[in-house]
Amino acid sequence: MERISTRLLDELGRIALPSVSREAFGWEPGAPLDIFEDAANQQVVLRQAAPRCVFCKSGTGLRLFGGKHVCAQCLRAIRES
C-alpha cells in the first residue's frame, strides 16, 4: 500500500480524498463508497460500493426501476401491491 498524502480531519471528522486518488478510481462527487475498518491495524479501507436494492439491500438479481436498483423479489412485491 502506497501513501499518497497526509490529510487532517476537520471539526466534523471529515477528510478530502486527494484528486489523484479519486481520478485513479474514477470516483466522481456523489459516488457511493463502502467503508471498512480494520481496528487491529488501525486502518480504514474505502471501496466503490456495488449496486444494491434500494429496499432490501440485496446485491443479486438487480434491475433498474425508475432509475433505482431493485431486486427481483422487491420488484415482484411492488407489482403485486
PDB file of N, CA and C in Angstrom:
ATOM      1  N   MET A   1       0.861  -1.174   0.000  1.00  0.00           N
ATOM      2  CA  MET A   1       0.000   0.000   0.000  1.00  0.00           C
ATOM      3  C   MET A   1       0.902   1.230   0.000  1.00  0.00           C
ATOM      4  N   GLU A   2       0.583   2.178  -0.848  1.00  0.00           N
ATOM      5  CA  GLU A   2       1.403   3.378  -1.009  1.00  0.00           C
ATOM      6  C   GLU A   2       0.715   4.587  -0.373  1.00  0.00           C
ATOM      7  N   ARG A   3       1.472   5.355   0.412  1.00  0.00           N
ATOM      8  CA  ARG A   3       0.912   6.582   1.000  1.00  0.00           C
ATOM      9  C   ARG A   3       0.951   7.677  -0.054  1.00  0.00           C
ATOM     10  N   ILE A   4      -0.199   8.287  -0.305  1.00  0.00           N
ATOM     11  CA  ILE A   4      -0.322   9.346  -1.302  1.00  0.00           C
ATOM     12  C   ILE A   4      -0.069  10.714  -0.671  1.00  0.00           C
ATOM     13  N   SER A   5      -0.697  10.963   0.467  1.00  0.00           N
ATOM     14  CA  SER A   5      -0.546  12.243   1.155  1.00  0.00           C
ATOM     15  C   SER A   5      -1.030  12.102   2.588  1.00  0.00           C
ATOM     16  N   THR A   6      -0.866  13.162   3.353  1.00  0.00           N
ATOM     17  CA  THR A   6      -1.382  13.216   4.719  1.00  0.00           C
ATOM     18  C   THR A   6      -2.447  14.299   4.763  1.00  0.00           C
ATOM     19  N   ARG A   7      -3.581  13.996   5.346  1.00  0.00           N
ATOM     20  CA  ARG A   7      -4.694  14.946   5.457  1.00  0.00           C
ATOM     21  C   ARG A   7      -5.097  15.060   6.915  1.00  0.00           C
ATOM     22  N   LEU A   8      -5.673  16.196   7.277  1.00  0.00           N
ATOM     23  CA  LEU A   8      -6.170  16.428   8.635  1.00  0.00           C
ATOM     24  C   LEU A   8      -7.685  16.239   8.662  1.00  0.00           C
ATOM     25  N   LEU A   9      -8.180  15.653   9.737  1.00  0.00           N
ATOM     26  CA  LEU A   9      -9.623  15.576   9.947  1.00  0.00           C
ATOM     27  C   LEU A   9     -10.138  16.971  10.264  1.00  0.00           C
ATOM     28  N   ASP A  10     -11.287  17.338   9.689  1.00  0.00           N
ATOM     29  CA  ASP A  10     -11.870  18.628  10.058  1.00  0.00           C
ATOM     30  C   ASP A  10     -12.669  18.473  11.345  1.00  0.00           C
ATOM     31  N   GLU A  11     -13.324  19.530  11.782  1.00  0.00           N
ATOM     32  CA  GLU A  11     -14.024  19.514  13.070  1.00  0.00           C
ATOM     33  C   GLU A  11     -15.192  18.523  13.098  1.00  0.00           C
ATOM     34  N   LEU A  12     -15.665  18.087  11.922  1.00  0.00           N
ATOM     35  CA  LEU A  12     -16.747  17.105  11.853  1.00  0.00           C
ATOM     36  C   LEU A  12     -16.222  15.701  11.566  1.00  0.00           C
ATOM     37  N   GLY A  13     -14.895  15.524  11.565  1.00  0.00           N
ATOM     38  CA  GLY A  13     -14.300  14.212  11.340  1.00  0.00           C
ATOM     39  C   GLY A  13     -14.169  13.823   9.885  1.00  0.00           C
ATOM     40  N   ARG A  14     -14.236  14.796   8.989  1.00  0.00           N
ATOM     41  CA  ARG A  14     -14.169  14.516   7.558  1.00  0.00           C
ATOM     42  C   ARG A  14     -12.762  14.740   7.020  1.00  0.00           C
ATOM     43  N   ILE A  15     -12.475  14.078   5.903  1.00  0.00           N
ATOM     44  CA  ILE A  15     -11.251  14.346   5.150  1.00  0.00           C
ATOM     45  C   ILE A  15     -11.633  14.473   3.676  1.00  0.00           C
ATOM     46  N   ALA A  16     -10.806  15.152   2.925  1.00  0.00           N
ATOM     47  CA  ALA A  16     -10.986  15.213   1.474  1.00  0.00           C
ATOM     48  C   ALA A  16     -10.015  14.229   0.848  1.00  0.00           C
ATOM     49  N   LEU A  17     -10.528  13.388  -0.058  1.00  0.00           N
ATOM     50  CA  LEU A  17      -9.654  12.450  -0.751  1.00  0.00           C
ATOM     51  C   LEU A  17      -8.833  13.200  -1.789  1.00  0.00           C
ATOM     52  N   PRO A  18      -7.560  12.887  -1.898  1.00  0.00           N
ATOM     53  CA  PRO A  18      -6.731  13.564  -2.902  1.00  0.00           C
ATOM     54  C   PRO A  18      -7.280  13.334  -4.309  1.00  0.00           C
ATOM     55  N   SER A  19      -7.192  14.346  -5.158  1.00  0.00           N
ATOM     56  CA  SER A  19      -7.721  14.233  -6.516  1.00  0.00           C
ATOM     57  C   SER A  19      -7.041  13.110  -7.286  1.00  0.00           C
ATOM     58  N   VAL A  20      -5.763  12.872  -7.041  1.00  0.00           N
ATOM     59  CA  VAL A  20      -5.064  11.801  -7.739  1.00  0.00           C
ATOM     60  C   VAL A  20      -5.700  10.454  -7.416  1.00  0.00           C
ATOM     61  N   SER A  21      -6.155  10.260  -6.189  1.00  0.00           N
ATOM     62  CA  SER A  21      -6.825   9.011  -5.802  1.00  0.00           C
ATOM     63  C   SER A  21      -8.205   8.924  -6.434  1.00  0.00           C
ATOM     64  N   ARG A  22      -8.977  10.000  -6.375  1.00  0.00           N
ATOM     65  CA  ARG A  22     -10.317   9.993  -6.973  1.00  0.00           C
ATOM     66  C   ARG A  22     -10.239   9.720  -8.470  1.00  0.00           C
ATOM     67  N   GLU A  23      -9.279  10.343  -9.137  1.00  0.00           N
ATOM     68  CA  GLU A  23      -9.125  10.155 -10.577  1.00  0.00           C
ATOM     69  C   GLU A  23      -8.670   8.739 -10.915  1.00  0.00           C
ATOM     70  N   ALA A  24      -7.780   8.174 -10.092  1.00  0.00           N
ATOM     71  CA  ALA A  24      -7.274   6.825 -10.344  1.00  0.00           C
ATOM     72  C   ALA A  24      -8.398   5.794 -10.323  1.00  0.00           C
ATOM     73  N   PHE A  25      -9.401   6.001  -9.471  1.00  0.00           N
ATOM     74  CA  PHE A  25     -10.505   5.061  -9.352  1.00  0.00           C
ATOM     75  C   PHE A  25     -11.751   5.508 -10.096  1.00  0.00           C
ATOM     76  N   GLY A  26     -11.727   6.687 -10.690  1.00  0.00           N
ATOM     77  CA  GLY A  26     -12.891   7.190 -11.421  1.00  0.00           C
ATOM     78  C   GLY A  26     -14.039   7.577 -10.515  1.00  0.00           C
ATOM     79  N   TRP A  27     -13.733   7.985  -9.274  1.00  0.00           N
ATOM     80  CA  TRP A  27     -14.765   8.374  -8.320  1.00  0.00           C
ATOM     81  C   TRP A  27     -15.147   9.832  -8.523  1.00  0.00           C
ATOM     82  N   GLU A  28     -16.373  10.059  -8.906  1.00  0.00           N
ATOM     83  CA  GLU A  28     -16.923  11.401  -9.087  1.00  0.00           C
ATOM     84  C   GLU A  28     -17.657  11.808  -7.813  1.00  0.00           C
ATOM     85  N   PRO A  29     -17.923  13.098  -7.625  1.00  0.00           N
ATOM     86  CA  PRO A  29     -18.718  13.514  -6.464  1.00  0.00           C
ATOM     87  C   PRO A  29     -20.052  12.761  -6.453  1.00  0.00           C
ATOM     88  N   GLY A  30     -20.420  12.284  -5.291  1.00  0.00           N
ATOM     89  CA  GLY A  30     -21.656  11.523  -5.146  1.00  0.00           C
ATOM     90  C   GLY A  30     -21.481  10.023  -5.341  1.00  0.00           C
ATOM     91  N   ALA A  31     -20.266   9.564  -5.667  1.00  0.00           N
ATOM     92  CA  ALA A  31     -20.034   8.127  -5.859  1.00  0.00           C
ATOM     93  C   ALA A  31     -20.247   7.404  -4.521  1.00  0.00           C
ATOM     94  N   PRO A  32     -21.011   6.310  -4.525  1.00  0.00           N
ATOM     95  CA  PRO A  32     -21.202   5.561  -3.278  1.00  0.00           C
ATOM     96  C   PRO A  32     -19.953   4.750  -2.944  1.00  0.00           C
ATOM     97  N   LEU A  33     -19.492   4.860  -1.719  1.00  0.00           N
ATOM     98  CA  LEU A  33     -18.313   4.136  -1.257  1.00  0.00           C
ATOM     99  C   LEU A  33     -18.664   3.334  -0.020  1.00  0.00           C
ATOM    100  N   ASP A  34     -18.178   2.104   0.033  1.00  0.00           N
ATOM    101  CA  ASP A  34     -18.295   1.294   1.244  1.00  0.00           C
ATOM    102  C   ASP A  34     -17.076   1.580   2.098  1.00  0.00           C
ATOM    103  N   ILE A  35     -17.268   1.683   3.409  1.00  0.00           N
ATOM    104  CA  ILE A  35     -16.187   1.974   4.352  1.00  0.00           C
ATOM    105  C   ILE A  35     -16.016   0.764   5.257  1.00  0.00           C
ATOM    106  N   PHE A  36     -14.799   0.249   5.311  1.00  0.00           N
ATOM    107  CA  PHE A  36     -14.463  -0.893   6.155  1.00  0.00           C
ATOM    108  C   PHE A  36     -13.414  -0.444   7.157  1.00  0.00           C
ATOM    109  N   GLU A  37     -13.483  -0.982   8.359  1.00  0.00           N
ATOM    110  CA  GLU A  37     -12.456  -0.663   9.344  1.00  0.00           C
ATOM    111  C   GLU A  37     -11.733  -1.927   9.761  1.00  0.00           C
ATOM    112  N   ASP A  38     -10.448  -1.783   9.962  1.00  0.00           N
ATOM    113  CA  ASP A  38      -9.584  -2.846  10.454  1.00  0.00           C
ATOM    114  C   ASP A  38      -8.982  -2.307  11.742  1.00  0.00           C
ATOM    115  N   ALA A  39      -9.692  -2.513  12.858  1.00  0.00           N
ATOM    116  CA  ALA A  39      -9.274  -1.934  14.136  1.00  0.00           C
ATOM    117  C   ALA A  39      -7.925  -2.468  14.589  1.00  0.00           C
ATOM    118  N   ALA A  40      -7.658  -3.730  14.312  1.00  0.00           N
ATOM    119  CA  ALA A  40      -6.400  -4.327  14.757  1.00  0.00           C
ATOM    120  C   ALA A  40      -5.193  -3.614  14.147  1.00  0.00           C
ATOM    121  N   ASN A  41      -5.337  -3.151  12.916  1.00  0.00           N
ATOM    122  CA  ASN A  41      -4.236  -2.465  12.225  1.00  0.00           C
ATOM    123  C   ASN A  41      -4.453  -0.961  12.110  1.00  0.00           C
ATOM    124  N   GLN A  42      -5.505  -0.449  12.744  1.00  0.00           N
ATOM    125  CA  GLN A  42      -5.857   0.973  12.703  1.00  0.00           C
ATOM    126  C   GLN A  42      -5.919   1.487  11.268  1.00  0.00           C
ATOM    127  N   GLN A  43      -6.690   0.783  10.432  1.00  0.00           N
ATOM    128  CA  GLN A  43      -6.836   1.157   9.028  1.00  0.00           C
ATOM    129  C   GLN A  43      -8.310   1.294   8.663  1.00  0.00           C
ATOM    130  N   VAL A  44      -8.566   2.208   7.743  1.00  0.00           N
ATOM    131  CA  VAL A  44      -9.877   2.370   7.140  1.00  0.00           C
ATOM    132  C   VAL A  44      -9.686   2.120   5.650  1.00  0.00           C
ATOM    133  N   VAL A  45     -10.558   1.286   5.071  1.00  0.00           N
ATOM    134  CA  VAL A  45     -10.466   0.942   3.654  1.00  0.00           C
ATOM    135  C   VAL A  45     -11.734   1.422   2.958  1.00  0.00           C
ATOM    136  N   LEU A  46     -11.575   2.075   1.819  1.00  0.00           N
ATOM    137  CA  LEU A  46     -12.693   2.532   1.002  1.00  0.00           C
ATOM    138  C   LEU A  46     -12.770   1.686  -0.256  1.00  0.00           C
ATOM    139  N   ARG A  47     -13.985   1.300  -0.636  1.00  0.00           N
ATOM    140  CA  ARG A  47     -14.203   0.584  -1.897  1.00  0.00           C
ATOM    141  C   ARG A  47     -15.440   1.156  -2.556  1.00  0.00           C
ATOM    142  N   GLN A  48     -15.418   1.183  -3.877  1.00  0.00           N
ATOM    143  CA  GLN A  48     -16.607   1.611  -4.580  1.00  0.00           C
ATOM    144  C   GLN A  48     -17.719   0.627  -4.262  1.00  0.00           C
ATOM    145  N   ALA A  49     -18.849   1.138  -3.857  1.00  0.00           N
ATOM    146  CA  ALA A  49     -19.969   0.289  -3.447  1.00  0.00           C
ATOM    147  C   ALA A  49     -20.591  -0.389  -4.654  1.00  0.00           C
ATOM    148  N   ALA A  50     -20.898  -1.657  -4.485  1.00  0.00           N
ATOM    149  CA  ALA A  50     -21.623  -2.394  -5.511  1.00  0.00           C
ATOM    150  C   ALA A  50     -23.092  -1.990  -5.429  1.00  0.00           C
ATOM    151  N   PRO A  51     -23.795  -1.981  -6.555  1.00  0.00           N
ATOM    152  CA  PRO A  51     -25.221  -1.636  -6.514  1.00  0.00           C
ATOM    153  C   PRO A  51     -25.982  -2.582  -5.599  1.00  0.00           C
ATOM    154  N   ARG A  52     -26.977  -2.037  -4.903  1.00  0.00           N
ATOM    155  CA  ARG A  52     -27.837  -2.821  -4.007  1.00  0.00           C
ATOM    156  C   ARG A  52     -29.281  -2.381  -4.195  1.00  0.00           C
ATOM    157  N   CYS A  53     -30.184  -3.276  -3.850  1.00  0.00           N
ATOM    158  CA  CYS A  53     -31.610  -2.966  -3.897  1.00  0.00           C
ATOM    159  C   CYS A  53     -31.901  -1.828  -2.916  1.00  0.00           C
ATOM    160  N   VAL A  54     -32.640  -0.836  -3.364  1.00  0.00           N
ATOM    161  CA  VAL A  54     -32.947   0.312  -2.503  1.00  0.00           C
ATOM    162  C   VAL A  54     -33.878  -0.070  -1.356  1.00  0.00           C
ATOM    163  N   PHE A  55     -34.541  -1.214  -1.452  1.00  0.00           N
ATOM    164  CA  PHE A  55     -35.481  -1.615  -0.407  1.00  0.00           C
ATOM    165  C   PHE A  55     -34.870  -2.602   0.586  1.00  0.00           C
ATOM    166  N   CYS A  56     -34.307  -3.713   0.091  1.00  0.00           N
ATOM    167  CA  CYS A  56     -33.841  -4.769   0.999  1.00  0.00           C
ATOM    168  C   CYS A  56     -32.318  -4.866   1.074  1.00  0.00           C
ATOM    169  N   LYS A  57     -31.614  -4.080   0.267  1.00  0.00           N
ATOM    170  CA  LYS A  57     -30.136  -4.035   0.238  1.00  0.00           C
ATOM    171  C   LYS A  57     -29.501  -5.283  -0.365  1.00  0.00           C
ATOM    172  N   SER A  58     -30.275  -6.151  -1.016  1.00  0.00           N
ATOM    173  CA  SER A  58     -29.725  -7.321  -1.690  1.00  0.00           C
ATOM    174  C   SER A  58     -28.861  -6.870  -2.867  1.00  0.00           C
ATOM    175  N   GLY A  59     -27.856  -7.659  -3.196  1.00  0.00           N
ATOM    176  CA  GLY A  59     -26.992  -7.331  -4.327  1.00  0.00           C
ATOM    177  C   GLY A  59     -27.195  -8.256  -5.508  1.00  0.00           C
ATOM    178  N   THR A  60     -28.207  -9.117  -5.449  1.00  0.00           N
ATOM    179  CA  THR A  60     -28.409 -10.084  -6.530  1.00  0.00           C
ATOM    180  C   THR A  60     -29.719  -9.839  -7.258  1.00  0.00           C
ATOM    181  N   GLY A  61     -29.719 -10.179  -8.543  1.00  0.00           N
ATOM    182  CA  GLY A  61     -30.926 -10.081  -9.358  1.00  0.00           C
ATOM    183  C   GLY A  61     -31.437  -8.663  -9.509  1.00  0.00           C
ATOM    184  N   LEU A  62     -30.538  -7.698  -9.618  1.00  0.00           N
ATOM    185  CA  LEU A  62     -30.947  -6.293  -9.664  1.00  0.00           C
ATOM    186  C   LEU A  62     -31.391  -5.871 -11.059  1.00  0.00           C
ATOM    187  N   ARG A  63     -32.385  -4.994 -11.072  1.00  0.00           N
ATOM    188  CA  ARG A  63     -32.866  -4.373 -12.306  1.00  0.00           C
ATOM    189  C   ARG A  63     -33.088  -2.896 -12.021  1.00  0.00           C
ATOM    190  N   LEU A  64     -32.968  -2.094 -13.045  1.00  0.00           N
ATOM    191  CA  LEU A  64     -33.254  -0.669 -12.870  1.00  0.00           C
ATOM    192  C   LEU A  64     -34.754  -0.459 -12.962  1.00  0.00           C
ATOM    193  N   PHE A  65     -35.301   0.230 -11.990  1.00  0.00           N
ATOM    194  CA  PHE A  65     -36.724   0.542 -11.935  1.00  0.00           C
ATOM    195  C   PHE A  65     -36.830   1.986 -11.489  1.00  0.00           C
ATOM    196  N   GLY A  66     -37.265   2.857 -12.364  1.00  0.00           N
ATOM    197  CA  GLY A  66     -37.360   4.277 -12.029  1.00  0.00           C
ATOM    198  C   GLY A  66     -35.998   4.883 -11.698  1.00  0.00           C
ATOM    199  N   GLY A  67     -34.950   4.374 -12.343  1.00  0.00           N
ATOM    200  CA  GLY A  67     -33.611   4.895 -12.106  1.00  0.00           C
ATOM    201  C   GLY A  67     -32.946   4.379 -10.844  1.00  0.00           C
ATOM    202  N   LYS A  68     -33.576   3.434 -10.162  1.00  0.00           N
ATOM    203  CA  LYS A  68     -33.045   2.852  -8.927  1.00  0.00           C
ATOM    204  C   LYS A  68     -32.863   1.350  -9.105  1.00  0.00           C
ATOM    205  N   HIS A  69     -31.891   0.781  -8.386  1.00  0.00           N
ATOM    206  CA  HIS A  69     -31.702  -0.663  -8.409  1.00  0.00           C
ATOM    207  C   HIS A  69     -32.724  -1.318  -7.477  1.00  0.00           C
ATOM    208  N   VAL A  70     -33.439  -2.306  -8.035  1.00  0.00           N
ATOM    209  CA  VAL A  70     -34.436  -3.049  -7.269  1.00  0.00           C
ATOM    210  C   VAL A  70     -34.240  -4.528  -7.585  1.00  0.00           C
ATOM    211  N   CYS A  71     -34.227  -5.372  -6.550  1.00  0.00           N
ATOM    212  CA  CYS A  71     -34.058  -6.812  -6.773  1.00  0.00           C
ATOM    213  C   CYS A  71     -35.371  -7.400  -7.295  1.00  0.00           C
ATOM    214  N   ALA A  72     -35.270  -8.607  -7.834  1.00  0.00           N
ATOM    215  CA  ALA A  72     -36.433  -9.272  -8.435  1.00  0.00           C
ATOM    216  C   ALA A  72     -37.555  -9.473  -7.399  1.00  0.00           C
ATOM    217  N   GLN A  73     -37.210  -9.847  -6.169  1.00  0.00           N
ATOM    218  CA  GLN A  73     -38.237 -10.075  -5.143  1.00  0.00           C
ATOM    219  C   GLN A  73     -38.978  -8.789  -4.809  1.00  0.00           C
ATOM    220  N   CYS A  74     -38.264  -7.698  -4.624  1.00  0.00           N
ATOM    221  CA  CYS A  74     -38.921  -6.426  -4.289  1.00  0.00           C
ATOM    222  C   CYS A  74     -39.717  -5.895  -5.475  1.00  0.00           C
ATOM    223  N   LEU A  75     -39.196  -6.101  -6.687  1.00  0.00           N
ATOM    224  CA  LEU A  75     -39.920  -5.672  -7.883  1.00  0.00           C
ATOM    225  C   LEU A  75     -41.234  -6.438  -8.006  1.00  0.00           C
ATOM    226  N   ARG A  76     -41.206  -7.734  -7.704  1.00  0.00           N
ATOM    227  CA  ARG A  76     -42.414  -8.550  -7.731  1.00  0.00           C
ATOM    228  C   ARG A  76     -43.408  -8.038  -6.682  1.00  0.00           C
ATOM    229  N   ALA A  77     -42.910  -7.701  -5.492  1.00  0.00           N
ATOM    230  CA  ALA A  77     -43.778  -7.181  -4.414  1.00  0.00           C
ATOM    231  C   ALA A  77     -44.390  -5.837  -4.827  1.00  0.00           C
ATOM    232  N   ILE A  78     -43.620  -5.004  -5.521  1.00  0.00           N
ATOM    233  CA  ILE A  78     -44.150  -3.709  -5.986  1.00  0.00           C
ATOM    234  C   ILE A  78     -45.273  -3.938  -6.978  1.00  0.00           C
ATOM    235  N   ARG A  79     -45.056  -4.844  -7.915  1.00  0.00           N
ATOM    236  CA  ARG A  79     -46.063  -5.108  -8.950  1.00  0.00           C
ATOM    237  C   ARG A  79     -47.338  -5.713  -8.368  1.00  0.00           C
ATOM    238  N   GLU A  80     -47.188  -6.505  -7.285  1.00  0.00           N
ATOM    239  CA  GLU A  80     -48.351  -7.153  -6.662  1.00  0.00           C
ATOM    240  C   GLU A  80     -49.123  -6.225  -5.751  1.00  0.00           C
ATOM    241  N   SER A  81     -48.536  -5.120  -5.348  1.00  0.00           N
ATOM    242  CA  SER A  81     -49.238  -4.229  -4.419  1.00  0.00           C
ATOM    243  C   SER A  81     -50.161  -3.266  -5.108  1.00  0.00           C
TER     244      SER A  81
END
